[in-house]
Amino acid sequence: GAAQSIASAMAPLLEEHSELILEPKDGAVALHYRQAPELEE
C-alpha cells in the first residue's frame, strides 16, 4: 500500500514531464529519467 501511495505522489511530476517513466512495483517504485537526465534533481 505504501508503494502505491508513493507511485501516486509522482503523478504531478509525470504530467509535467512526459519523458519520465514511472515503474510501479509490488513493494517498490522506480522513477526513470534516462530520457531526461537534466531532471535528476
Full PDB file with SEQRES, HELIX, SHEET, SSBOND, CRYST1, ORIGX, SCALE, CONECT and MASTER records, all heavy atoms in Angstrom:
SEQRES   1 A   41  GLY ALA ALA GLN SER ILE ALA SER ALA MET ALA PRO LEU          
SEQRES   2 A   41  LEU GLU GLU HIS SER GLU LEU ILE LEU GLU PRO LYS ASP          
SEQRES   3 A   41  GLY ALA VAL ALA LEU HIS TYR ARG GLN ALA PRO GLU LEU          
SEQRES   4 A   41  GLU GLU                                                      
HELIX    1 AA1 ALA A    2  ALA A    9  1                                   8    
HELIX    2 AA2 ALA A   11  GLU A   16  1                                   6    
HELIX    3 AA3 PRO A   37  LEU A   39  5                                   3    
SHEET    1 AA1 2 ILE A  21  PRO A  24  0                                        
SHEET    2 AA1 2 VAL A  29  HIS A  32 -1                                        
CRYST1    1.000    1.000    1.000  90.00  90.00  90.00 P 1           1          
ORIGX1      1.000000  0.000000  0.000000        0.00000                         
ORIGX2      0.000000  1.000000  0.000000        0.00000                         
ORIGX3      0.000000  0.000000  1.000000        0.00000                         
SCALE1      1.000000  0.000000  0.000000        0.00000                         
SCALE2      0.000000  1.000000  0.000000        0.00000                         
SCALE3      0.000000  0.000000  1.000000        0.00000                         
ATOM      1  N   GLY A   1       0.811  -1.213   0.000  1.00  0.00           N  
ATOM      2  CA  GLY A   1       0.000   0.000   0.000  1.00  0.00           C  
ATOM      3  C   GLY A   1       0.842   1.259   0.000  1.00  0.00           C  
ATOM      4  O   GLY A   1       0.510   2.242  -0.686  1.00  0.00           O  
ATOM      5  N   ALA A   2       1.957   1.238   0.752  1.00  0.00           N  
ATOM      6  CA  ALA A   2       2.838   2.403   0.791  1.00  0.00           C  
ATOM      7  C   ALA A   2       3.464   2.646  -0.573  1.00  0.00           C  
ATOM      8  O   ALA A   2       3.602   3.795  -1.013  1.00  0.00           O  
ATOM      9  CB  ALA A   2       3.921   2.199   1.846  1.00  0.00           C  
ATOM     10  N   ALA A   3       3.847   1.570  -1.261  1.00  0.00           N  
ATOM     11  CA  ALA A   3       4.423   1.717  -2.600  1.00  0.00           C  
ATOM     12  C   ALA A   3       3.419   2.341  -3.562  1.00  0.00           C  
ATOM     13  O   ALA A   3       3.768   3.200  -4.389  1.00  0.00           O  
ATOM     14  CB  ALA A   3       4.885   0.356  -3.120  1.00  0.00           C  
ATOM     15  N   GLN A   4       2.178   1.937  -3.460  1.00  0.00           N  
ATOM     16  CA  GLN A   4       1.139   2.519  -4.315  1.00  0.00           C  
ATOM     17  C   GLN A   4       0.954   4.007  -4.017  1.00  0.00           C  
ATOM     18  O   GLN A   4       0.760   4.817  -4.937  1.00  0.00           O  
ATOM     19  CB  GLN A   4      -0.168   1.759  -4.112  1.00  0.00           C  
ATOM     20  CG  GLN A   4      -0.132   0.328  -4.615  1.00  0.00           C  
ATOM     21  CD  GLN A   4      -1.367  -0.457  -4.226  1.00  0.00           C  
ATOM     22  OE1 GLN A   4      -2.163  -0.045  -3.374  1.00  0.00           O  
ATOM     23  NE2 GLN A   4      -1.546  -1.620  -4.840  1.00  0.00           N  
ATOM     24  N   SER A   5       1.042   4.376  -2.742  1.00  0.00           N  
ATOM     25  CA  SER A   5       0.917   5.782  -2.358  1.00  0.00           C  
ATOM     26  C   SER A   5       2.068   6.606  -2.915  1.00  0.00           C  
ATOM     27  O   SER A   5       1.865   7.728  -3.412  1.00  0.00           O  
ATOM     28  CB  SER A   5       0.873   5.889  -0.836  1.00  0.00           C  
ATOM     29  OG  SER A   5       0.869   7.237  -0.415  1.00  0.00           O  
ATOM     30  N   ILE A   6       3.282   6.067  -2.849  1.00  0.00           N  
ATOM     31  CA  ILE A   6       4.462   6.764  -3.380  1.00  0.00           C  
ATOM     32  C   ILE A   6       4.327   6.952  -4.889  1.00  0.00           C  
ATOM     33  O   ILE A   6       4.618   8.021  -5.439  1.00  0.00           O  
ATOM     34  CB  ILE A   6       5.738   5.993  -3.023  1.00  0.00           C  
ATOM     35  CG1 ILE A   6       5.971   6.033  -1.508  1.00  0.00           C  
ATOM     36  CG2 ILE A   6       6.950   6.560  -3.758  1.00  0.00           C  
ATOM     37  CD1 ILE A   6       7.041   5.081  -1.013  1.00  0.00           C  
ATOM     38  N   ALA A   7       3.865   5.905  -5.569  1.00  0.00           N  
ATOM     39  CA  ALA A   7       3.680   5.996  -7.022  1.00  0.00           C  
ATOM     40  C   ALA A   7       2.652   7.070  -7.373  1.00  0.00           C  
ATOM     41  O   ALA A   7       2.848   7.860  -8.313  1.00  0.00           O  
ATOM     42  CB  ALA A   7       3.260   4.637  -7.580  1.00  0.00           C  
ATOM     43  N   SER A   8       1.572   7.129  -6.630  1.00  0.00           N  
ATOM     44  CA  SER A   8       0.524   8.128  -6.891  1.00  0.00           C  
ATOM     45  C   SER A   8       1.045   9.543  -6.704  1.00  0.00           C  
ATOM     46  O   SER A   8       0.652  10.468  -7.426  1.00  0.00           O  
ATOM     47  CB  SER A   8      -0.674   7.886  -5.969  1.00  0.00           C  
ATOM     48  OG  SER A   8      -1.266   6.640  -6.232  1.00  0.00           O  
ATOM     49  N   ALA A   9       1.961   9.722  -5.747  1.00  0.00           N  
ATOM     50  CA  ALA A   9       2.507  11.051  -5.471  1.00  0.00           C  
ATOM     51  C   ALA A   9       3.362  11.574  -6.621  1.00  0.00           C  
ATOM     52  O   ALA A   9       3.650  12.777  -6.688  1.00  0.00           O  
ATOM     53  CB  ALA A   9       3.322  11.021  -4.180  1.00  0.00           C  
ATOM     54  N   MET A  10       3.764  10.700  -7.537  1.00  0.00           N  
ATOM     55  CA  MET A  10       4.590  11.105  -8.677  1.00  0.00           C  
ATOM     56  C   MET A  10       3.761  11.674  -9.830  1.00  0.00           C  
ATOM     57  O   MET A  10       4.310  12.190 -10.809  1.00  0.00           O  
ATOM     58  CB  MET A  10       5.396   9.908  -9.201  1.00  0.00           C  
ATOM     59  CG  MET A  10       6.479   9.392  -8.260  1.00  0.00           C  
ATOM     60  SD  MET A  10       7.764  10.623  -7.944  1.00  0.00           S  
ATOM     61  CE  MET A  10       7.221  11.210  -6.334  1.00  0.00           C  
ATOM     62  N   ALA A  11       2.446  11.578  -9.740  1.00  0.00           N  
ATOM     63  CA  ALA A  11       1.576  11.992 -10.849  1.00  0.00           C  
ATOM     64  C   ALA A  11       1.829  13.421 -11.334  1.00  0.00           C  
ATOM     65  O   ALA A  11       1.942  13.650 -12.554  1.00  0.00           O  
ATOM     66  CB  ALA A  11       0.113  11.798 -10.460  1.00  0.00           C  
ATOM     67  N   PRO A  12       1.926  14.431 -10.449  1.00  0.00           N  
ATOM     68  CA  PRO A  12       2.155  15.802 -10.949  1.00  0.00           C  
ATOM     69  C   PRO A  12       3.447  15.946 -11.749  1.00  0.00           C  
ATOM     70  O   PRO A  12       3.467  16.628 -12.792  1.00  0.00           O  
ATOM     71  CB  PRO A  12       2.202  16.635  -9.659  1.00  0.00           C  
ATOM     72  CG  PRO A  12       1.415  15.851  -8.672  1.00  0.00           C  
ATOM     73  CD  PRO A  12       1.716  14.414  -8.984  1.00  0.00           C  
ATOM     74  N   LEU A  13       4.514  15.310 -11.287  1.00  0.00           N  
ATOM     75  CA  LEU A  13       5.789  15.409 -11.996  1.00  0.00           C  
ATOM     76  C   LEU A  13       5.705  14.732 -13.360  1.00  0.00           C  
ATOM     77  O   LEU A  13       6.210  15.248 -14.362  1.00  0.00           O  
ATOM     78  CB  LEU A  13       6.900  14.776 -11.164  1.00  0.00           C  
ATOM     79  CG  LEU A  13       8.318  14.856 -11.750  1.00  0.00           C  
ATOM     80  CD1 LEU A  13       8.792  16.309 -11.827  1.00  0.00           C  
ATOM     81  CD2 LEU A  13       9.300  14.022 -10.907  1.00  0.00           C  
ATOM     82  N   LEU A  14       5.030  13.601 -13.418  1.00  0.00           N  
ATOM     83  CA  LEU A  14       4.893  12.877 -14.679  1.00  0.00           C  
ATOM     84  C   LEU A  14       4.016  13.643 -15.663  1.00  0.00           C  
ATOM     85  O   LEU A  14       4.251  13.608 -16.880  1.00  0.00           O  
ATOM     86  CB  LEU A  14       4.301  11.490 -14.421  1.00  0.00           C  
ATOM     87  CG  LEU A  14       5.191  10.538 -13.619  1.00  0.00           C  
ATOM     88  CD1 LEU A  14       4.401   9.301 -13.217  1.00  0.00           C  
ATOM     89  CD2 LEU A  14       6.413  10.146 -14.414  1.00  0.00           C  
ATOM     90  N   GLU A  15       3.006  14.334 -15.156  1.00  0.00           N  
ATOM     91  CA  GLU A  15       2.158  15.131 -16.042  1.00  0.00           C  
ATOM     92  C   GLU A  15       2.929  16.292 -16.648  1.00  0.00           C  
ATOM     93  O   GLU A  15       2.712  16.675 -17.795  1.00  0.00           O  
ATOM     94  CB  GLU A  15       0.957  15.658 -15.253  1.00  0.00           C  
ATOM     95  CG  GLU A  15      -0.047  14.584 -14.871  1.00  0.00           C  
ATOM     96  CD  GLU A  15      -1.153  15.115 -13.998  1.00  0.00           C  
ATOM     97  OE1 GLU A  15      -1.161  16.348 -13.743  1.00  0.00           O  
ATOM     98  OE2 GLU A  15      -2.014  14.319 -13.555  1.00  0.00           O  
ATOM     99  N   GLU A  16       3.866  16.824 -15.885  1.00  0.00           N  
ATOM    100  CA  GLU A  16       4.663  17.957 -16.364  1.00  0.00           C  
ATOM    101  C   GLU A  16       5.783  17.518 -17.298  1.00  0.00           C  
ATOM    102  O   GLU A  16       6.171  18.255 -18.213  1.00  0.00           O  
ATOM    103  CB  GLU A  16       5.256  18.694 -15.162  1.00  0.00           C  
ATOM    104  CG  GLU A  16       6.019  19.962 -15.536  1.00  0.00           C  
ATOM    105  CD  GLU A  16       6.529  20.709 -14.321  1.00  0.00           C  
ATOM    106  OE1 GLU A  16       6.217  20.291 -13.182  1.00  0.00           O  
ATOM    107  OE2 GLU A  16       7.256  21.710 -14.505  1.00  0.00           O  
ATOM    108  N   HIS A  17       6.299  16.295 -17.081  1.00  0.00           N  
ATOM    109  CA  HIS A  17       7.435  15.803 -17.875  1.00  0.00           C  
ATOM    110  C   HIS A  17       7.121  14.406 -18.387  1.00  0.00           C  
ATOM    111  O   HIS A  17       7.387  13.400 -17.722  1.00  0.00           O  
ATOM    112  CB  HIS A  17       8.717  15.778 -17.037  1.00  0.00           C  
ATOM    113  CG  HIS A  17       9.108  17.113 -16.477  1.00  0.00           C  
ATOM    114  ND1 HIS A  17       9.667  18.105 -17.266  1.00  0.00           N  
ATOM    115  CD2 HIS A  17       9.009  17.621 -15.220  1.00  0.00           C  
ATOM    116  CE1 HIS A  17       9.911  19.162 -16.514  1.00  0.00           C  
ATOM    117  NE2 HIS A  17       9.526  18.903 -15.278  1.00  0.00           N  
ATOM    118  N   SER A  18       6.557  14.344 -19.587  1.00  0.00           N  
ATOM    119  CA  SER A  18       6.129  13.060 -20.151  1.00  0.00           C  
ATOM    120  C   SER A  18       7.294  12.140 -20.490  1.00  0.00           C  
ATOM    121  O   SER A  18       7.099  10.931 -20.700  1.00  0.00           O  
ATOM    122  CB  SER A  18       5.290  13.301 -21.408  1.00  0.00           C  
ATOM    123  OG  SER A  18       6.058  14.009 -22.387  1.00  0.00           O  
ATOM    124  N   GLU A  19       8.511  12.695 -20.546  1.00  0.00           N  
ATOM    125  CA  GLU A  19       9.663  11.864 -20.875  1.00  0.00           C  
ATOM    126  C   GLU A  19      10.128  11.015 -19.690  1.00  0.00           C  
ATOM    127  O   GLU A  19      10.951  10.099 -19.858  1.00  0.00           O  
ATOM    128  CB  GLU A  19      10.824  12.728 -21.391  1.00  0.00           C  
ATOM    129  CG  GLU A  19      11.353  13.747 -20.393  1.00  0.00           C  
ATOM    130  CD  GLU A  19      10.659  15.090 -20.455  1.00  0.00           C  
ATOM    131  OE1 GLU A  19       9.430  15.108 -20.622  1.00  0.00           O  
ATOM    132  OE2 GLU A  19      11.346  16.121 -20.334  1.00  0.00           O  
ATOM    133  N   LEU A  20       9.620  11.310 -18.506  1.00  0.00           N  
ATOM    134  CA  LEU A  20       9.939  10.485 -17.347  1.00  0.00           C  
ATOM    135  C   LEU A  20       9.095   9.207 -17.378  1.00  0.00           C  
ATOM    136  O   LEU A  20       7.972   9.196 -17.889  1.00  0.00           O  
ATOM    137  CB  LEU A  20       9.659  11.239 -16.045  1.00  0.00           C  
ATOM    138  CG  LEU A  20      10.495  12.502 -15.811  1.00  0.00           C  
ATOM    139  CD1 LEU A  20      10.043  13.198 -14.533  1.00  0.00           C  
ATOM    140  CD2 LEU A  20      11.980  12.162 -15.737  1.00  0.00           C  
ATOM    141  N   ILE A  21       9.653   8.134 -16.817  1.00  0.00           N  
ATOM    142  CA  ILE A  21       8.947   6.848 -16.799  1.00  0.00           C  
ATOM    143  C   ILE A  21       8.847   6.360 -15.361  1.00  0.00           C  
ATOM    144  O   ILE A  21       9.866   6.203 -14.673  1.00  0.00           O  
ATOM    145  CB  ILE A  21       9.679   5.801 -17.665  1.00  0.00           C  
ATOM    146  CG1 ILE A  21       9.714   6.255 -19.125  1.00  0.00           C  
ATOM    147  CG2 ILE A  21       8.997   4.438 -17.547  1.00  0.00           C  
ATOM    148  CD1 ILE A  21      10.538   5.358 -20.016  1.00  0.00           C  
ATOM    149  N   LEU A  22       7.624   6.125 -14.926  1.00  0.00           N  
ATOM    150  CA  LEU A  22       7.401   5.584 -13.590  1.00  0.00           C  
ATOM    151  C   LEU A  22       7.185   4.076 -13.711  1.00  0.00           C  
ATOM    152  O   LEU A  22       6.394   3.616 -14.532  1.00  0.00           O  
ATOM    153  CB  LEU A  22       6.185   6.230 -12.936  1.00  0.00           C  
ATOM    154  CG  LEU A  22       5.963   5.844 -11.468  1.00  0.00           C  
ATOM    155  CD1 LEU A  22       7.034   6.488 -10.592  1.00  0.00           C  
ATOM    156  CD2 LEU A  22       4.572   6.272 -11.000  1.00  0.00           C  
ATOM    157  N   GLU A  23       7.893   3.331 -12.883  1.00  0.00           N  
ATOM    158  CA  GLU A  23       7.770   1.875 -12.873  1.00  0.00           C  
ATOM    159  C   GLU A  23       7.282   1.433 -11.483  1.00  0.00           C  
ATOM    160  O   GLU A  23       8.071   1.147 -10.589  1.00  0.00           O  
ATOM    161  CB  GLU A  23       9.121   1.230 -13.193  1.00  0.00           C  
ATOM    162  CG  GLU A  23       9.066  -0.277 -13.342  1.00  0.00           C  
ATOM    163  CD  GLU A  23      10.443  -0.885 -13.562  1.00  0.00           C  
ATOM    164  OE1 GLU A  23      11.454  -0.148 -13.517  1.00  0.00           O  
ATOM    165  OE2 GLU A  23      10.498  -2.106 -13.765  1.00  0.00           O  
ATOM    166  N   PRO A  24       5.958   1.407 -11.293  1.00  0.00           N  
ATOM    167  CA  PRO A  24       5.429   0.937 -10.009  1.00  0.00           C  
ATOM    168  C   PRO A  24       5.581  -0.581  -9.905  1.00  0.00           C  
ATOM    169  O   PRO A  24       5.372  -1.306 -10.882  1.00  0.00           O  
ATOM    170  CB  PRO A  24       3.959   1.351 -10.054  1.00  0.00           C  
ATOM    171  CG  PRO A  24       3.632   1.484 -11.493  1.00  0.00           C  
ATOM    172  CD  PRO A  24       4.897   1.812 -12.224  1.00  0.00           C  
ATOM    173  N   LYS A  25       5.966  -1.039  -8.718  1.00  0.00           N  
ATOM    174  CA  LYS A  25       6.163  -2.460  -8.491  1.00  0.00           C  
ATOM    175  C   LYS A  25       5.373  -2.879  -7.270  1.00  0.00           C  
ATOM    176  O   LYS A  25       4.861  -2.052  -6.516  1.00  0.00           O  
ATOM    177  CB  LYS A  25       7.653  -2.771  -8.293  1.00  0.00           C  
ATOM    178  CG  LYS A  25       8.557  -2.238  -9.401  1.00  0.00           C  
ATOM    179  CD  LYS A  25      10.017  -2.450  -9.056  1.00  0.00           C  
ATOM    180  CE  LYS A  25      10.921  -1.780 -10.075  1.00  0.00           C  
ATOM    181  NZ  LYS A  25      12.355  -1.983  -9.768  1.00  0.00           N  
ATOM    182  N   ASP A  26       5.293  -4.163  -7.062  1.00  0.00           N  
ATOM    183  CA  ASP A  26       4.615  -4.691  -5.878  1.00  0.00           C  
ATOM    184  C   ASP A  26       5.575  -4.587  -4.703  1.00  0.00           C  
ATOM    185  O   ASP A  26       6.285  -5.526  -4.357  1.00  0.00           O  
ATOM    186  CB  ASP A  26       4.207  -6.141  -6.116  1.00  0.00           C  
ATOM    187  CG  ASP A  26       3.346  -6.682  -4.988  1.00  0.00           C  
ATOM    188  OD1 ASP A  26       2.847  -5.869  -4.191  1.00  0.00           O  
ATOM    189  OD2 ASP A  26       3.198  -7.911  -4.908  1.00  0.00           O  
ATOM    190  N   GLY A  27       5.628  -3.395  -4.090  1.00  0.00           N  
ATOM    191  CA  GLY A  27       6.518  -3.196  -2.957  1.00  0.00           C  
ATOM    192  C   GLY A  27       7.639  -2.220  -3.196  1.00  0.00           C  
ATOM    193  O   GLY A  27       8.458  -1.986  -2.305  1.00  0.00           O  
ATOM    194  N   ALA A  28       7.710  -1.621  -4.372  1.00  0.00           N  
ATOM    195  CA  ALA A  28       8.754  -0.638  -4.667  1.00  0.00           C  
ATOM    196  C   ALA A  28       8.280   0.253  -5.803  1.00  0.00           C  
ATOM    197  O   ALA A  28       7.295  -0.046  -6.486  1.00  0.00           O  
ATOM    198  CB  ALA A  28      10.062  -1.331  -5.034  1.00  0.00           C  
ATOM    199  N   VAL A  29       8.998   1.366  -6.009  1.00  0.00           N  
ATOM    200  CA  VAL A  29       8.667   2.314  -7.079  1.00  0.00           C  
ATOM    201  C   VAL A  29       9.963   2.824  -7.680  1.00  0.00           C  
ATOM    202  O   VAL A  29      10.851   3.282  -6.951  1.00  0.00           O  
ATOM    203  CB  VAL A  29       7.847   3.515  -6.552  1.00  0.00           C  
ATOM    204  CG1 VAL A  29       7.518   4.469  -7.697  1.00  0.00           C  
ATOM    205  CG2 VAL A  29       6.580   3.055  -5.860  1.00  0.00           C  
ATOM    206  N   ALA A  30      10.074   2.765  -9.005  1.00  0.00           N  
ATOM    207  CA  ALA A  30      11.262   3.266  -9.694  1.00  0.00           C  
ATOM    208  C   ALA A  30      10.870   4.407 -10.619  1.00  0.00           C  
ATOM    209  O   ALA A  30       9.903   4.295 -11.383  1.00  0.00           O  
ATOM    210  CB  ALA A  30      11.934   2.155 -10.492  1.00  0.00           C  
ATOM    211  N   LEU A  31      11.626   5.500 -10.551  1.00  0.00           N  
ATOM    212  CA  LEU A  31      11.407   6.656 -11.420  1.00  0.00           C  
ATOM    213  C   LEU A  31      12.613   6.789 -12.338  1.00  0.00           C  
ATOM    214  O   LEU A  31      13.724   7.087 -11.891  1.00  0.00           O  
ATOM    215  CB  LEU A  31      11.219   7.923 -10.593  1.00  0.00           C  
ATOM    216  CG  LEU A  31      10.955   9.212 -11.360  1.00  0.00           C  
ATOM    217  CD1 LEU A  31       9.691   9.105 -12.205  1.00  0.00           C  
ATOM    218  CD2 LEU A  31      10.854  10.401 -10.403  1.00  0.00           C  
ATOM    219  N   HIS A  32      12.393   6.542 -13.634  1.00  0.00           N  
ATOM    220  CA  HIS A  32      13.474   6.555 -14.623  1.00  0.00           C  
ATOM    221  C   HIS A  32      13.545   7.915 -15.317  1.00  0.00           C  
ATOM    222  O   HIS A  32      12.529   8.431 -15.787  1.00  0.00           O  
ATOM    223  CB  HIS A  32      13.231   5.475 -15.684  1.00  0.00           C  
ATOM    224  CG  HIS A  32      13.194   4.076 -15.149  1.00  0.00           C  
ATOM    225  ND1 HIS A  32      14.297   3.257 -15.158  1.00  0.00           N  
ATOM    226  CD2 HIS A  32      12.183   3.354 -14.591  1.00  0.00           C  
ATOM    227  CE1 HIS A  32      13.977   2.085 -14.630  1.00  0.00           C  
ATOM    228  NE2 HIS A  32      12.695   2.115 -14.278  1.00  0.00           N  
ATOM    229  N   TYR A  33      14.768   8.453 -15.404  1.00  0.00           N  
ATOM    230  CA  TYR A  33      14.947   9.731 -16.095  1.00  0.00           C  
ATOM    231  C   TYR A  33      16.010   9.630 -17.194  1.00  0.00           C  
ATOM    232  O   TYR A  33      16.639  10.616 -17.572  1.00  0.00           O  
ATOM    233  CB  TYR A  33      15.309  10.838 -15.095  1.00  0.00           C  
ATOM    234  CG  TYR A  33      16.514  10.559 -14.219  1.00  0.00           C  
ATOM    235  CD1 TYR A  33      17.797  10.940 -14.611  1.00  0.00           C  
ATOM    236  CD2 TYR A  33      16.371   9.901 -12.998  1.00  0.00           C  
ATOM    237  CE1 TYR A  33      18.898  10.683 -13.810  1.00  0.00           C  
ATOM    238  CE2 TYR A  33      17.466   9.647 -12.190  1.00  0.00           C  
ATOM    239  CZ  TYR A  33      18.725  10.041 -12.600  1.00  0.00           C  
ATOM    240  OH  TYR A  33      19.817   9.781 -11.810  1.00  0.00           O  
ATOM    241  N   ARG A  34      16.177   8.431 -17.753  1.00  0.00           N  
ATOM    242  CA  ARG A  34      17.185   8.205 -18.802  1.00  0.00           C  
ATOM    243  C   ARG A  34      16.954   9.114 -20.003  1.00  0.00           C  
ATOM    244  O   ARG A  34      17.907   9.557 -20.653  1.00  0.00           O  
ATOM    245  CB  ARG A  34      17.174   6.739 -19.221  1.00  0.00           C  
ATOM    246  CG  ARG A  34      18.197   6.385 -20.304  1.00  0.00           C  
ATOM    247  CD  ARG A  34      18.311   4.875 -20.473  1.00  0.00           C  
ATOM    248  NE  ARG A  34      18.800   4.252 -19.240  1.00  0.00           N  
ATOM    249  CZ  ARG A  34      20.088   4.180 -18.919  1.00  0.00           C  
ATOM    250  NH1 ARG A  34      21.003   4.684 -19.722  1.00  0.00           N  
ATOM    251  NH2 ARG A  34      20.454   3.602 -17.793  1.00  0.00           N  
ATOM    252  N   GLN A  35      15.703   9.403 -20.319  1.00  0.00           N  
ATOM    253  CA  GLN A  35      15.395  10.240 -21.472  1.00  0.00           C  
ATOM    254  C   GLN A  35      15.398  11.728 -21.128  1.00  0.00           C  
ATOM    255  O   GLN A  35      15.190  12.567 -22.013  1.00  0.00           O  
ATOM    256  CB  GLN A  35      14.036   9.835 -22.047  1.00  0.00           C  
ATOM    257  CG  GLN A  35      13.997   8.389 -22.546  1.00  0.00           C  
ATOM    258  CD  GLN A  35      12.663   8.031 -23.157  1.00  0.00           C  
ATOM    259  OE1 GLN A  35      12.169   8.727 -24.043  1.00  0.00           O  
ATOM    260  NE2 GLN A  35      12.062   6.950 -22.697  1.00  0.00           N  
ATOM    261  N   ALA A  36      15.655  12.049 -19.870  1.00  0.00           N  
ATOM    262  CA  ALA A  36      15.725  13.453 -19.444  1.00  0.00           C  
ATOM    263  C   ALA A  36      16.702  13.566 -18.276  1.00  0.00           C  
ATOM    264  O   ALA A  36      16.296  13.862 -17.145  1.00  0.00           O  
ATOM    265  CB  ALA A  36      14.344  13.958 -19.053  1.00  0.00           C  
ATOM    266  N   PRO A  37      17.988  13.338 -18.504  1.00  0.00           N  
ATOM    267  CA  PRO A  37      18.968  13.338 -17.410  1.00  0.00           C  
ATOM    268  C   PRO A  37      19.055  14.668 -16.668  1.00  0.00           C  
ATOM    269  O   PRO A  37      19.460  14.700 -15.502  1.00  0.00           O  
ATOM    270  CB  PRO A  37      20.288  12.999 -18.114  1.00  0.00           C  
ATOM    271  CG  PRO A  37      20.061  13.280 -19.560  1.00  0.00           C  
ATOM    272  CD  PRO A  37      18.610  13.020 -19.806  1.00  0.00           C  
ATOM    273  N   GLU A  38      18.638  15.756 -17.317  1.00  0.00           N  
ATOM    274  CA  GLU A  38      18.672  17.064 -16.670  1.00  0.00           C  
ATOM    275  C   GLU A  38      17.637  17.168 -15.537  1.00  0.00           C  
ATOM    276  O   GLU A  38      17.690  18.100 -14.730  1.00  0.00           O  
ATOM    277  CB  GLU A  38      18.423  18.172 -17.699  1.00  0.00           C  
ATOM    278  CG  GLU A  38      17.009  18.271 -18.246  1.00  0.00           C  
ATOM    279  CD  GLU A  38      16.711  17.275 -19.353  1.00  0.00           C  
ATOM    280  OE1 GLU A  38      17.601  16.444 -19.666  1.00  0.00           O  
ATOM    281  OE2 GLU A  38      15.595  17.337 -19.914  1.00  0.00           O  
ATOM    282  N   LEU A  39      16.727  16.212 -15.467  1.00  0.00           N  
ATOM    283  CA  LEU A  39      15.688  16.232 -14.433  1.00  0.00           C  
ATOM    284  C   LEU A  39      16.061  15.394 -13.202  1.00  0.00           C  
ATOM    285  O   LEU A  39      15.206  15.144 -12.349  1.00  0.00           O  
ATOM    286  CB  LEU A  39      14.365  15.723 -15.016  1.00  0.00           C  
ATOM    287  CG  LEU A  39      13.729  16.584 -16.112  1.00  0.00           C  
ATOM    288  CD1 LEU A  39      12.461  15.923 -16.631  1.00  0.00           C  
ATOM    289  CD2 LEU A  39      13.421  17.982 -15.583  1.00  0.00           C  
ATOM    290  N   GLU A  40      17.300  14.989 -13.110  1.00  0.00           N  
ATOM    291  CA  GLU A  40      17.713  14.139 -11.984  1.00  0.00           C  
ATOM    292  C   GLU A  40      17.360  14.768 -10.633  1.00  0.00           C  
ATOM    293  O   GLU A  40      16.789  14.113  -9.752  1.00  0.00           O  
ATOM    294  CB  GLU A  40      19.213  13.866 -12.045  1.00  0.00           C  
ATOM    295  CG  GLU A  40      19.730  13.046 -10.872  1.00  0.00           C  
ATOM    296  CD  GLU A  40      21.220  12.796 -10.942  1.00  0.00           C  
ATOM    297  OE1 GLU A  40      21.885  13.350 -11.854  1.00  0.00           O  
ATOM    298  OE2 GLU A  40      21.728  12.045 -10.088  1.00  0.00           O  
ATOM    299  N   GLU A  41      17.697  16.053 -10.454  1.00  0.00           N  
ATOM    300  CA  GLU A  41      17.449  16.712  -9.177  1.00  0.00           C  
ATOM    301  C   GLU A  41      15.954  16.816  -8.895  1.00  0.00           C  
ATOM    302  O   GLU A  41      15.507  16.603  -7.755  1.00  0.00           O  
ATOM    303  CB  GLU A  41      18.083  18.105  -9.180  1.00  0.00           C  
ATOM    304  CG  GLU A  41      17.980  18.841  -7.847  1.00  0.00           C  
ATOM    305  CD  GLU A  41      18.793  18.184  -6.738  1.00  0.00           C  
ATOM    306  OE1 GLU A  41      19.708  17.392  -7.044  1.00  0.00           O  
ATOM    307  OE2 GLU A  41      18.503  18.461  -5.560  1.00  0.00           O  
TER     308      GLU A  41                                                      
MASTER        0    0    0    3    2    0    0    6  307    1    0    4          
END                                                                             
